[in-house]
Amino acid sequence: MELPELARHWDAFARSDPLWAILTAPDTRGNRWDPQAFFETGRREIAGLLQLLEELSLSPQRGIALDFGCGVGRLSQALAGHFERVVGVDIAAGMIERACRENRHGPRVRYMRNERGDLACLPDSEFDLVYCNIVLQHMEPRFAKSYIGEFLRVLSPNGVLCFQLPERRAHAVDPPAHPASAPAHSARPAENAHADTDVAGPSWQPRMEMWGTSPHEVERWIASAGGVLVRRVEDSAAGPGWLSHRYVVTRMAHPRHAHSSTATPSTTR
């Protein structure tokens, strides 16, 4: 799915059932999420993220944070409790409109729509923290690779990048090169990647794709973009049916942790 089409699908989700589209928790479909409970999940998630960074002896400055794929602001509102400024970026106009309405921090939080395959709207070396969770999994790996490179470009020299990507469905041993569940119009999946669709029907409906990429491939992307992998941990962000990983990355080697990885569960969940 090309980015303009991806934007169309997520804008439709934003205007019909945005909170469920962002967090597909049981019994919340059909606008049944309680907004207060929804935003509380963001506060817990960011608290867990900061705890993880502390355990890794990473202490980014608390100047400005980037929430990529911000949706309605679930995480950017939470980040504003810890950073002086926050920028939220999303592909869907409807998500940005809702995020602006939900903003409780005035000009300290700014929301931007971006449909490009890069982040040319953002300057180099600007952000002390770049965070992206349950976002890259919904786009083809070629776009995820490009954005990871952009995350490192906009990251400050002493900043920290943390993002999540699934590897594969939990029951799959080796993802097929041409998955039967991939949309007919999709481009050929990248190496070690596969897709599944969540929504289908006889007439047009917004569709939620899920893509998986092997950690080996993701770590190649990180290195080729000038990043240093500090830690990779398994997490549950993609849901119980997927094997998922959280990647913590810097632009400069950390003497104790650089290039390490682990398969232990993430402390953020």
Protein backbone atom coordinates (compact mmCIF):
# COMPACT_ATOMS: atom_id res chain seq x y z
CA MET A 1 0.00 0.00 0.00
CA GLU A 2 1.49 3.35 -1.06
CA LEU A 3 1.59 6.18 1.47
CA PRO A 4 -1.32 8.24 0.02
CA GLU A 5 -3.51 5.13 0.17
CA LEU A 6 -2.27 4.38 3.68
CA ALA A 7 -3.26 7.92 4.66
CA ARG A 8 -6.73 7.38 3.17
CA HIS A 9 -7.30 4.22 5.21
CA TRP A 10 -6.07 5.73 8.49
CA ASP A 11 -8.03 8.91 7.95
CA ALA A 12 -11.13 6.75 7.60
CA PHE A 13 -10.27 5.00 10.87
CA ALA A 14 -9.74 8.41 12.47
CA ARG A 15 -13.23 9.54 11.52
CA SER A 16 -15.02 6.31 12.47
CA ASP A 17 -13.32 4.62 15.44
CA PRO A 18 -9.92 6.24 16.13
CA LEU A 19 -9.19 4.97 19.64
CA TRP A 20 -9.87 1.35 18.72
CA ALA A 21 -7.75 1.69 15.55
CA ILE A 22 -4.83 2.85 17.69
CA LEU A 23 -5.29 0.32 20.51
CA THR A 24 -7.37 -2.67 19.42
CA ALA A 25 -8.12 -3.82 22.95
CA PRO A 26 -10.92 -6.36 23.47
CA ASP A 27 -14.42 -4.92 23.77
CA THR A 28 -13.39 -1.42 22.65
CA ARG A 29 -14.44 -1.55 19.00
CA GLY A 30 -17.31 0.71 18.03
CA ASN A 31 -16.12 3.78 19.94
CA ARG A 32 -16.31 1.94 23.26
CA TRP A 33 -12.92 3.12 24.57
CA ASP A 34 -13.23 5.33 27.64
CA PRO A 35 -11.03 8.34 26.68
CA GLN A 36 -9.62 8.74 30.17
CA ALA A 37 -8.59 5.08 30.31
CA PHE A 38 -7.20 5.33 26.78
CA PHE A 39 -4.90 8.25 27.62
CA GLU A 40 -3.91 6.59 30.88
CA THR A 41 -2.39 3.75 28.84
CA GLY A 42 -0.12 6.35 27.27
CA ARG A 43 1.03 7.66 30.64
CA ARG A 44 1.85 4.14 31.79
CA GLU A 45 3.67 3.37 28.56
CA ILE A 46 5.89 6.44 28.72
CA ALA A 47 6.65 5.81 32.40
CA GLY A 48 7.75 2.29 31.42
CA LEU A 49 9.85 3.62 28.56
CA LEU A 50 11.71 6.05 30.82
CA GLN A 51 12.27 3.28 33.34
CA LEU A 52 13.76 1.09 30.59
CA LEU A 53 16.12 3.89 29.52
CA GLU A 54 17.21 4.40 33.11
CA GLU A 55 17.95 0.68 33.46
CA LEU A 56 20.10 0.95 30.31
CA SER A 57 21.95 3.96 31.81
CA LEU A 58 20.60 6.19 29.06
CA SER A 59 19.69 9.72 30.11
CA PRO A 60 18.56 11.83 27.15
CA GLN A 61 18.04 15.51 27.73
CA ARG A 62 14.42 16.42 28.46
CA GLY A 63 14.23 19.13 25.81
CA ILE A 64 12.14 17.98 22.85
CA ALA A 65 10.59 14.62 21.98
CA LEU A 66 9.13 13.29 18.73
CA ASP A 67 6.06 11.04 18.76
CA PHE A 68 5.97 9.48 15.28
CA GLY A 69 2.58 8.10 14.30
CA CYS A 70 1.03 10.12 17.09
CA GLY A 71 -2.59 9.30 16.30
CA VAL A 72 -4.84 11.29 18.62
CA GLY A 73 -1.96 12.13 20.98
CA ARG A 74 -2.06 9.19 23.40
CA LEU A 75 1.74 9.22 23.80
CA SER A 76 2.58 12.83 23.01
CA GLN A 77 0.32 14.05 25.80
CA ALA A 78 2.14 11.69 28.16
CA LEU A 79 5.56 12.76 26.87
CA ALA A 80 4.67 16.38 27.66
CA GLY A 81 4.79 15.44 31.32
CA HIS A 82 8.51 14.72 30.97
CA PHE A 83 9.80 16.91 28.12
CA GLU A 84 9.74 20.67 27.58
CA ARG A 85 8.30 20.30 24.08
CA VAL A 86 6.77 17.50 22.03
CA VAL A 87 6.10 17.18 18.31
CA GLY A 88 3.54 14.64 17.14
CA VAL A 89 3.54 13.54 13.48
CA ASP A 90 0.88 11.46 11.77
CA ILE A 91 -0.15 10.56 8.22
CA ALA A 92 -3.91 11.00 8.79
CA ALA A 93 -5.58 14.41 8.86
CA GLY A 94 -8.38 13.10 11.05
CA MET A 95 -5.94 11.87 13.66
CA ILE A 96 -4.17 15.23 13.76
CA GLU A 97 -7.48 17.08 14.11
CA ARG A 98 -8.49 14.90 17.08
CA ALA A 99 -5.01 15.23 18.63
CA CYS A 100 -5.26 19.01 18.52
CA ARG A 101 -8.63 18.86 20.28
CA GLU A 102 -7.21 16.54 22.95
CA ASN A 103 -4.10 18.65 23.58
CA ARG A 104 -3.89 19.76 27.23
CA HIS A 105 -0.43 21.35 27.02
CA GLY A 106 -0.94 24.32 24.71
CA PRO A 107 2.00 25.32 22.49
CA ARG A 108 4.33 22.90 24.27
CA VAL A 109 2.82 20.16 22.09
CA ARG A 110 2.63 20.67 18.34
CA TYR A 111 0.98 18.33 15.84
CA MET A 112 1.94 17.98 12.17
CA ARG A 113 0.57 15.95 9.29
CA ASN A 114 3.15 14.27 7.06
CA GLU A 115 2.32 12.07 4.06
CA ARG A 116 5.88 11.91 2.74
CA GLY A 117 8.24 8.98 2.96
CA ASP A 118 10.72 11.20 4.77
CA LEU A 119 10.66 13.76 7.59
CA ALA A 120 11.87 16.72 5.56
CA CYS A 121 9.49 18.85 7.65
CA LEU A 122 11.82 18.34 10.64
CA PRO A 123 15.38 19.63 11.09
CA ASP A 124 18.52 17.59 11.67
CA SER A 125 19.62 16.69 15.20
CA GLU A 126 16.56 18.27 16.83
CA PHE A 127 15.11 15.64 19.14
CA ASP A 128 16.37 14.26 22.44
CA LEU A 129 13.94 11.34 22.19
CA VAL A 130 12.31 9.81 19.14
CA TYR A 131 9.59 7.30 20.01
CA CYS A 132 7.51 5.15 17.68
CA ASN A 133 5.29 2.31 18.87
CA ILE A 134 2.72 0.17 16.97
CA VAL A 135 3.13 2.36 13.89
CA LEU A 136 5.82 1.01 11.55
CA GLN A 137 4.10 -2.39 11.67
CA HIS A 138 1.25 -1.01 9.55
CA MET A 139 3.40 -0.01 6.55
CA GLU A 140 5.52 -1.88 4.05
CA PRO A 141 9.09 -2.45 5.24
CA ARG A 142 10.55 -0.19 2.55
CA PHE A 143 8.80 2.75 4.23
CA ALA A 144 9.75 1.61 7.73
CA LYS A 145 13.40 1.46 6.65
CA SER A 146 13.23 4.99 5.28
CA TYR A 147 11.63 6.37 8.44
CA ILE A 148 14.19 4.68 10.69
CA GLY A 149 16.90 6.49 8.74
CA GLU A 150 14.99 9.73 9.21
CA PHE A 151 14.59 9.09 12.94
CA LEU A 152 18.36 8.92 13.24
CA ARG A 153 18.79 12.06 11.15
CA VAL A 154 16.54 14.14 13.39
CA LEU A 155 17.92 12.61 16.61
CA SER A 156 20.28 14.79 18.63
CA PRO A 157 23.87 13.47 19.03
CA ASN A 158 23.16 12.32 22.59
CA GLY A 159 19.53 11.42 21.99
CA VAL A 160 17.74 8.08 22.13
CA LEU A 161 15.55 6.43 19.51
CA CYS A 162 13.10 3.73 20.56
CA PHE A 163 10.82 1.99 18.07
CA GLN A 164 8.86 -1.25 17.80
CA LEU A 165 8.48 -3.69 14.92
CA PRO A 166 7.01 -7.19 14.73
CA GLU A 167 9.08 -10.04 13.34
CA ARG A 168 6.36 -12.49 12.29
CA ARG A 169 3.19 -14.17 13.40
CA ALA A 170 3.88 -16.15 16.55
CA HIS A 171 2.83 -19.46 14.96
CA ALA A 172 4.94 -18.98 11.83
CA VAL A 173 8.38 -20.58 11.71
CA ASP A 174 9.59 -19.03 8.46
CA PRO A 175 7.47 -16.26 6.87
CA PRO A 176 6.75 -17.08 3.22
CA ALA A 177 8.24 -14.92 0.50
CA HIS A 178 4.79 -14.46 -1.07
CA PRO A 179 2.25 -14.60 1.79
CA ALA A 180 -1.20 -15.75 0.79
CA SER A 181 -2.70 -13.18 3.16
CA ALA A 182 -0.92 -10.22 1.60
CA PRO A 183 -3.19 -7.78 -0.26
CA ALA A 184 -3.30 -8.51 -3.98
CA HIS A 185 -2.18 -5.00 -4.83
CA SER A 186 0.79 -4.97 -2.42
CA ALA A 187 4.33 -4.76 -3.66
CA ARG A 188 6.46 -7.84 -3.09
CA PRO A 189 7.37 -8.00 0.60
CA ALA A 190 10.91 -7.13 1.59
CA GLU A 191 13.32 -9.84 2.67
CA ASN A 192 11.98 -11.71 5.71
CA ALA A 193 8.77 -9.65 5.69
CA HIS A 194 5.13 -10.59 5.41
CA ALA A 195 1.75 -8.94 5.69
CA ASP A 196 -1.73 -9.66 6.93
CA THR A 197 -4.89 -7.60 6.63
CA ASP A 198 -7.31 -7.05 9.47
CA VAL A 199 -10.38 -5.73 7.71
CA ALA A 200 -11.99 -6.96 4.50
CA GLY A 201 -15.41 -6.70 2.93
CA PRO A 202 -17.39 -6.54 -0.31
CA SER A 203 -17.17 -2.74 -0.49
CA TRP A 204 -14.39 -0.35 0.39
CA GLN A 205 -13.53 -0.26 4.06
CA PRO A 206 -10.44 1.02 5.85
CA ARG A 207 -7.88 -1.73 6.05
CA MET A 208 -5.20 -2.30 8.66
CA GLU A 209 -2.15 -4.11 7.30
CA MET A 210 0.41 -5.82 9.54
CA TRP A 211 3.98 -6.30 8.34
CA GLY A 212 6.77 -8.28 9.95
CA THR A 213 10.52 -7.92 9.43
CA SER A 214 13.32 -10.03 10.89
CA PRO A 215 15.49 -8.43 13.60
CA HIS A 216 18.56 -9.16 11.49
CA GLU A 217 17.15 -7.01 8.70
CA VAL A 218 16.08 -4.23 11.07
CA GLU A 219 19.51 -4.17 12.69
CA ARG A 220 21.04 -3.82 9.21
CA TRP A 221 18.80 -0.80 8.62
CA ILE A 222 19.92 0.75 11.90
CA ALA A 223 23.61 0.27 11.17
CA SER A 224 23.33 1.54 7.58
CA ALA A 225 21.67 4.74 8.88
CA GLY A 226 24.49 5.40 11.36
CA GLY A 227 22.73 4.09 14.46
CA VAL A 228 24.06 1.92 17.28
CA LEU A 229 21.77 -0.75 18.69
CA VAL A 230 21.80 -0.49 22.47
CA ARG A 231 19.22 -3.17 23.23
CA ARG A 232 16.59 -5.26 21.53
CA VAL A 233 13.88 -6.81 23.69
CA GLU A 234 10.80 -8.82 22.91
CA ASP A 235 7.53 -7.08 23.68
CA SER A 236 3.82 -7.68 23.32
CA ALA A 237 2.95 -4.47 21.49
CA ALA A 238 1.83 -6.14 18.26
CA GLY A 239 -0.63 -8.37 20.11
CA PRO A 240 -0.62 -12.00 21.25
CA GLY A 241 -0.53 -13.36 17.70
CA TRP A 242 2.78 -11.72 16.82
CA LEU A 243 6.41 -11.96 17.85
CA SER A 244 7.44 -8.32 18.32
CA HIS A 245 10.59 -6.44 19.29
CA ARG A 246 11.48 -3.06 20.75
CA TYR A 247 14.72 -1.48 19.56
CA VAL A 248 16.65 1.08 21.60
CA VAL A 249 19.16 2.97 19.47
CA THR A 250 21.61 5.85 19.80
CA ARG A 251 23.83 7.75 17.40
CA MET A 252 26.95 7.08 19.42
CA ALA A 253 28.27 3.87 20.97
CA HIS A 254 27.41 3.24 24.58
CA PRO A 255 30.47 1.56 26.11
CA ARG A 256 28.57 -1.03 28.14
CA HIS A 257 25.59 -1.86 25.95
CA ALA A 258 26.37 -1.22 22.29
CA HIS A 259 25.37 -4.00 19.90
CA SER A 260 23.77 -6.10 22.64
CA SER A 261 20.41 -7.80 22.31
CA THR A 262 18.22 -10.01 24.46
CA ALA A 263 15.09 -12.09 24.12
CA THR A 264 13.77 -11.31 27.57
CA PRO A 265 10.36 -9.61 27.84
CA SER A 266 10.33 -5.83 27.67
CA THR A 267 10.15 -4.05 30.99
CA THR A 268 7.71 -1.60 29.45
CA ARG A 269 4.88 -4.10 29.37
